[in-house]
Amino acid sequence: MFFIKSIFFCLLAYLLLDFRLRSSRFLRLIEVKGGRNRHKKAVESLGRKFSRYFDREEIEKKIRMAGRPFKMTPEVFIALKIIVPFLSFAVQATWDTPLYWKIGVALFSFILPDLFLNMAIKDRKKEIESEIPEVTDIFEAAAAAGIDIGEVFRLAAEFTKGKELKKELTLLAAEYAITKDRVKALTRFRENIGLYDTDILSLALLQGDITGRAGGMLESLASAQHDNVIAKLHREDKLMDYKVLIACALMAVGIASMFLYPFFASVSTGLEGIFN
């Protein structure tokens, strides 16, 4: 009996050792073929996608593009993204709701600060975009008159009515007055707004400083922007016409319904009397 048990345990040990060796060889084969690297890359890619929600530089850039609402900092923004989902889940813990609903609301709470920031950026860009043609005209007139670029920045800030664009132009004028570095000042101005028109305006000023043809470039840019404004106004007029037509059609349908309702009511009453 002892001999049989010894053979059984030896066989079991052999099978376990063979399984261990086969597993190690199989893992090495996967590593040679790149299978483990693919899994590692997938995990790293997932980590990068998740970490971009906490990238301080990107958050700082978006906050500046939003005009730094409520004096927000990247640290406060990241803290909100962490605290709000936990608070949301803790509040829902007292509610009689399914678990998937609680998780869904917590995930929505996680992206809620991003939605708020994106809406602030969109509203700010829309406000600034409406005043860019006038600012371009100021730069064009100043370039034609030969006024110093620092003085032009200050004049543009004074004549601008919108709060956000005035603030950015004031910062631009102050930074240029301190550093005298046009490239750095205009680069920060572009990044703080993130509009195509401000990018082109900044590049025109920089290229004009190099080529000496700032006036012609700004004139072309101003002409293109005014054409865009006119086209935008035409689109808005057409949209207003469509809205008026739809409103008139709805009014006509409503009036027709008022006149036809007694007729259909009488017909319905008569049919009920016949069949009942």
Protein backbone atom coordinates (compact mmCIF):
# COMPACT_ATOMS: atom_id res chain seq x y z
CA MET A 1 0.00 0.00 0.00
CA PHE A 2 2.87 2.32 0.86
CA PHE A 3 4.46 1.52 -2.50
CA ILE A 4 1.29 2.45 -4.39
CA LYS A 5 1.00 5.75 -2.48
CA SER A 6 4.62 6.58 -3.25
CA ILE A 7 4.07 5.93 -6.97
CA PHE A 8 0.92 8.09 -6.89
CA PHE A 9 2.64 11.06 -5.21
CA CYS A 10 5.68 10.76 -7.51
CA LEU A 11 3.37 10.79 -10.53
CA LEU A 12 1.49 13.80 -9.15
CA ALA A 13 4.76 15.66 -8.53
CA TYR A 14 5.94 14.83 -12.05
CA LEU A 15 2.72 16.15 -13.57
CA LEU A 16 2.90 19.37 -11.54
CA LEU A 17 6.55 19.91 -12.50
CA ASP A 18 5.83 19.20 -16.16
CA PHE A 19 2.89 21.61 -16.09
CA ARG A 20 5.11 24.30 -14.55
CA LEU A 21 7.81 23.84 -17.19
CA ARG A 22 5.29 23.88 -20.03
CA SER A 23 3.71 27.04 -18.63
CA SER A 24 7.05 28.83 -18.37
CA ARG A 25 7.99 27.82 -21.93
CA PHE A 26 4.59 28.93 -23.17
CA LEU A 27 4.94 32.32 -21.49
CA ARG A 28 8.42 32.77 -22.95
CA LEU A 29 7.04 31.86 -26.38
CA ILE A 30 4.30 34.46 -26.00
CA GLU A 31 6.84 37.04 -24.93
CA VAL A 32 9.06 36.24 -27.96
CA LYS A 33 6.09 36.54 -30.30
CA GLY A 34 5.07 39.84 -28.75
CA GLY A 35 1.83 38.67 -27.14
CA ARG A 36 2.71 40.00 -23.73
CA ASN A 37 3.96 43.20 -25.29
CA ARG A 38 0.57 43.68 -26.92
CA HIS A 39 -1.16 43.24 -23.59
CA LYS A 40 1.32 45.59 -21.97
CA LYS A 41 0.78 48.16 -24.72
CA ALA A 42 -2.98 47.85 -24.32
CA VAL A 43 -2.72 48.48 -20.58
CA GLU A 44 -0.36 51.42 -21.14
CA SER A 45 -2.71 52.87 -23.76
CA LEU A 46 -5.63 52.57 -21.34
CA GLY A 47 -3.54 54.26 -18.66
CA ARG A 48 -2.66 57.12 -21.00
CA LYS A 49 -6.28 57.62 -21.99
CA PHE A 50 -7.31 57.76 -18.34
CA SER A 51 -4.37 59.95 -17.29
CA ARG A 52 -5.18 62.61 -19.89
CA TYR A 53 -8.13 63.56 -17.70
CA PHE A 54 -5.57 64.59 -15.08
CA ASP A 55 -2.92 66.15 -17.36
CA ARG A 56 -2.13 69.41 -15.58
CA GLU A 57 -0.76 71.21 -18.65
CA GLU A 58 -3.80 70.40 -20.77
CA ILE A 59 -6.14 71.39 -17.95
CA GLU A 60 -4.26 74.67 -17.46
CA LYS A 61 -4.55 75.38 -21.19
CA LYS A 62 -8.30 74.70 -21.22
CA ILE A 63 -8.84 76.84 -18.12
CA ARG A 64 -7.01 79.74 -19.76
CA MET A 65 -9.09 79.29 -22.92
CA ALA A 66 -12.22 79.41 -20.76
CA GLY A 67 -11.09 82.70 -19.21
CA ARG A 68 -10.27 81.10 -15.84
CA PRO A 69 -13.87 81.00 -14.52
CA PHE A 70 -14.27 81.42 -10.74
CA LYS A 71 -10.46 81.86 -10.54
CA MET A 72 -10.16 78.12 -11.10
CA THR A 73 -6.78 76.37 -11.00
CA PRO A 74 -5.81 72.91 -12.34
CA GLU A 75 -5.56 71.60 -8.78
CA VAL A 76 -9.11 72.69 -8.00
CA PHE A 77 -10.35 71.19 -11.26
CA ILE A 78 -8.68 67.83 -10.56
CA ALA A 79 -10.04 67.86 -7.00
CA LEU A 80 -13.55 68.42 -8.36
CA LYS A 81 -13.21 65.48 -10.76
CA ILE A 82 -12.26 63.25 -7.81
CA ILE A 83 -14.59 64.57 -5.10
CA VAL A 84 -17.82 65.10 -7.10
CA PRO A 85 -18.22 61.41 -8.21
CA PHE A 86 -17.62 60.18 -4.66
CA LEU A 87 -20.13 62.67 -3.26
CA SER A 88 -22.61 61.69 -5.95
CA PHE A 89 -22.24 58.00 -5.14
CA ALA A 90 -22.45 58.67 -1.39
CA VAL A 91 -25.67 60.65 -1.77
CA GLN A 92 -27.20 57.97 -3.99
CA ALA A 93 -26.29 55.29 -1.44
CA THR A 94 -29.29 56.46 0.59
CA TRP A 95 -31.61 56.22 -2.41
CA ASP A 96 -33.47 53.14 -3.52
CA THR A 97 -32.01 53.06 -7.04
CA PRO A 98 -30.29 50.27 -9.02
CA LEU A 99 -26.53 49.94 -8.80
CA TYR A 100 -26.02 50.57 -12.53
CA TRP A 101 -27.89 53.87 -12.19
CA LYS A 102 -25.65 54.96 -9.31
CA ILE A 103 -22.53 54.05 -11.27
CA GLY A 104 -23.83 55.88 -14.36
CA VAL A 105 -24.57 59.06 -12.39
CA ALA A 106 -21.13 58.86 -10.75
CA LEU A 107 -19.46 58.55 -14.16
CA PHE A 108 -21.49 61.49 -15.43
CA SER A 109 -20.37 63.46 -12.37
CA PHE A 110 -16.78 62.64 -13.31
CA ILE A 111 -17.10 64.34 -16.72
CA LEU A 112 -19.35 67.16 -15.43
CA PRO A 113 -16.42 69.59 -14.80
CA ASP A 114 -15.20 68.94 -18.37
CA LEU A 115 -18.64 69.72 -19.77
CA PHE A 116 -18.78 72.95 -17.80
CA LEU A 117 -15.32 73.96 -19.01
CA ASN A 118 -16.13 73.13 -22.65
CA MET A 119 -19.31 75.22 -22.49
CA ALA A 120 -17.37 78.14 -20.99
CA ILE A 121 -14.76 77.86 -23.77
CA LYS A 122 -17.46 77.79 -26.46
CA ASP A 123 -19.27 80.86 -25.07
CA ARG A 124 -16.01 82.78 -24.68
CA LYS A 125 -14.89 82.00 -28.25
CA LYS A 126 -18.25 83.10 -29.59
CA GLU A 127 -17.99 86.41 -27.73
CA ILE A 128 -14.42 87.07 -28.88
CA GLU A 129 -15.07 86.02 -32.47
CA SER A 130 -17.67 88.75 -32.93
CA GLU A 131 -15.09 91.48 -32.20
CA ILE A 132 -12.06 90.14 -34.07
CA PRO A 133 -12.85 92.04 -37.35
CA GLU A 134 -12.82 95.42 -35.51
CA VAL A 135 -9.55 94.55 -33.78
CA THR A 136 -8.03 93.57 -37.13
CA ASP A 137 -9.07 96.96 -38.54
CA ILE A 138 -7.28 98.67 -35.64
CA PHE A 139 -4.10 96.70 -36.32
CA GLU A 140 -4.35 97.43 -40.04
CA ALA A 141 -4.78 101.18 -39.51
CA ALA A 142 -1.92 101.25 -36.99
CA ALA A 143 0.39 99.36 -39.36
CA ALA A 144 -0.43 101.81 -42.15
CA ALA A 145 0.32 104.74 -39.83
CA GLY A 146 3.57 103.22 -38.59
CA ILE A 147 2.59 103.15 -34.90
CA ASP A 148 4.72 101.03 -32.56
CA ILE A 149 3.29 97.56 -32.02
CA GLY A 150 3.21 97.93 -28.23
CA GLU A 151 1.12 101.08 -28.54
CA VAL A 152 -1.15 99.24 -30.98
CA PHE A 153 -1.80 96.51 -28.42
CA ARG A 154 -2.75 99.15 -25.85
CA LEU A 155 -5.04 101.02 -28.27
CA ALA A 156 -6.76 97.79 -29.31
CA ALA A 157 -7.41 96.96 -25.64
CA GLU A 158 -8.89 100.43 -25.06
CA PHE A 159 -11.23 100.34 -28.07
CA THR A 160 -12.46 96.80 -27.49
CA LYS A 161 -15.83 96.56 -25.73
CA GLY A 162 -16.03 92.86 -24.94
CA LYS A 163 -14.72 91.95 -21.48
CA GLU A 164 -12.86 88.77 -22.48
CA LEU A 165 -11.10 90.18 -25.54
CA LYS A 166 -10.24 93.38 -23.67
CA LYS A 167 -8.68 91.30 -20.91
CA GLU A 168 -6.56 89.28 -23.36
CA LEU A 169 -5.43 92.37 -25.26
CA THR A 170 -4.54 94.09 -21.99
CA LEU A 171 -2.45 91.09 -20.95
CA LEU A 172 -0.85 91.09 -24.40
CA ALA A 173 0.06 94.77 -24.13
CA ALA A 174 1.40 94.35 -20.57
CA GLU A 175 3.50 91.30 -21.42
CA TYR A 176 4.99 92.96 -24.49
CA ALA A 177 5.74 96.14 -22.53
CA ILE A 178 7.64 94.10 -19.92
CA THR A 179 9.42 91.51 -22.07
CA LYS A 180 9.58 93.21 -25.50
CA ASP A 181 9.27 89.67 -26.87
CA ARG A 182 6.62 89.82 -29.59
CA VAL A 183 6.75 86.09 -30.35
CA LYS A 184 6.21 85.04 -26.74
CA ALA A 185 3.45 87.60 -26.16
CA LEU A 186 1.52 86.70 -29.33
CA THR A 187 1.98 82.97 -28.72
CA ARG A 188 0.41 83.28 -25.28
CA PHE A 189 -2.36 85.44 -26.78
CA ARG A 190 -3.13 82.71 -29.34
CA GLU A 191 -3.12 79.93 -26.76
CA ASN A 192 -5.38 81.84 -24.38
CA ILE A 193 -8.09 82.17 -27.05
CA GLY A 194 -7.64 79.25 -29.43
CA LEU A 195 -9.54 80.76 -32.37
CA TYR A 196 -8.60 80.41 -36.02
CA ASP A 197 -8.97 84.18 -36.56
CA THR A 198 -6.66 85.08 -33.67
CA ASP A 199 -4.14 82.50 -34.89
CA ILE A 200 -4.09 84.08 -38.35
CA LEU A 201 -3.90 87.59 -36.85
CA SER A 202 -0.93 86.63 -34.66
CA LEU A 203 0.86 84.93 -37.55
CA ALA A 204 0.25 87.96 -39.79
CA LEU A 205 1.82 90.25 -37.18
CA LEU A 206 4.81 87.95 -36.75
CA GLN A 207 5.37 87.46 -40.46
CA GLY A 208 4.90 91.14 -41.07
CA ASP A 209 7.68 91.86 -38.61
CA ILE A 210 9.97 89.55 -40.60
CA THR A 211 8.96 90.48 -44.15
CA GLY A 212 8.03 94.11 -43.51
CA ARG A 213 4.65 93.69 -45.18
CA ALA A 214 2.37 93.70 -42.14
CA GLY A 215 0.05 96.28 -43.69
CA GLY A 216 -0.73 94.21 -46.79
CA MET A 217 -1.21 91.00 -44.80
CA LEU A 218 -3.52 92.68 -42.29
CA GLU A 219 -5.48 94.30 -45.11
CA SER A 220 -6.05 90.92 -46.75
CA LEU A 221 -7.01 89.40 -43.41
CA ALA A 222 -9.44 92.23 -42.64
CA SER A 223 -11.05 91.86 -46.08
CA ALA A 224 -11.46 88.11 -45.60
CA GLN A 225 -12.96 88.58 -42.13
CA HIS A 226 -15.46 91.16 -43.38
CA ASP A 227 -16.50 88.79 -46.16
CA ASN A 228 -17.01 86.09 -43.52
CA VAL A 229 -19.12 88.47 -41.44
CA ILE A 230 -21.29 89.34 -44.44
CA ALA A 231 -21.71 85.64 -45.30
CA LYS A 232 -22.62 84.92 -41.68
CA LEU A 233 -25.23 87.68 -41.70
CA HIS A 234 -26.73 86.27 -44.91
CA ARG A 235 -26.94 82.82 -43.31
CA GLU A 236 -28.61 84.30 -40.25
CA ASP A 237 -31.10 86.16 -42.45
CA LYS A 238 -31.98 82.96 -44.30
CA LEU A 239 -32.33 81.11 -41.03
CA MET A 240 -34.66 83.84 -39.77
CA ASP A 241 -36.73 83.57 -42.95
CA TYR A 242 -37.05 79.81 -42.43
CA LYS A 243 -38.12 80.37 -38.83
CA VAL A 244 -40.77 82.87 -39.94
CA LEU A 245 -42.06 80.43 -42.59
CA ILE A 246 -42.27 77.61 -40.06
CA ALA A 247 -44.08 79.89 -37.59
CA CYS A 248 -46.55 80.96 -40.31
CA ALA A 249 -47.15 77.32 -41.30
CA LEU A 250 -47.83 76.36 -37.68
CA MET A 251 -50.21 79.31 -37.31
CA ALA A 252 -52.04 78.27 -40.50
CA VAL A 253 -52.38 74.70 -39.23
CA GLY A 254 -53.69 75.98 -35.91
CA ILE A 255 -56.26 78.27 -37.57
CA ALA A 256 -57.37 75.48 -39.92
CA SER A 257 -57.77 73.15 -36.95
CA MET A 258 -59.96 75.71 -35.16
CA PHE A 259 -62.26 76.03 -38.19
CA LEU A 260 -62.40 72.32 -38.99
CA TYR A 261 -62.81 71.06 -35.40
CA PRO A 262 -66.62 71.72 -35.21
CA PHE A 263 -67.12 69.94 -38.54
CA PHE A 264 -65.21 66.82 -37.49
CA ALA A 265 -66.89 66.89 -34.08
CA SER A 266 -70.33 66.92 -35.75
CA VAL A 267 -69.35 64.10 -38.11
CA SER A 268 -68.01 62.02 -35.19
CA THR A 269 -71.21 62.60 -33.17
CA GLY A 270 -73.38 61.63 -36.14
CA LEU A 271 -71.45 58.43 -36.78
CA GLU A 272 -71.68 57.46 -33.13
CA GLY A 273 -75.45 58.03 -33.23
CA ILE A 274 -75.83 55.89 -36.35
CA PHE A 275 -73.76 52.93 -35.19
CA ASN A 276 -74.93 52.99 -31.61
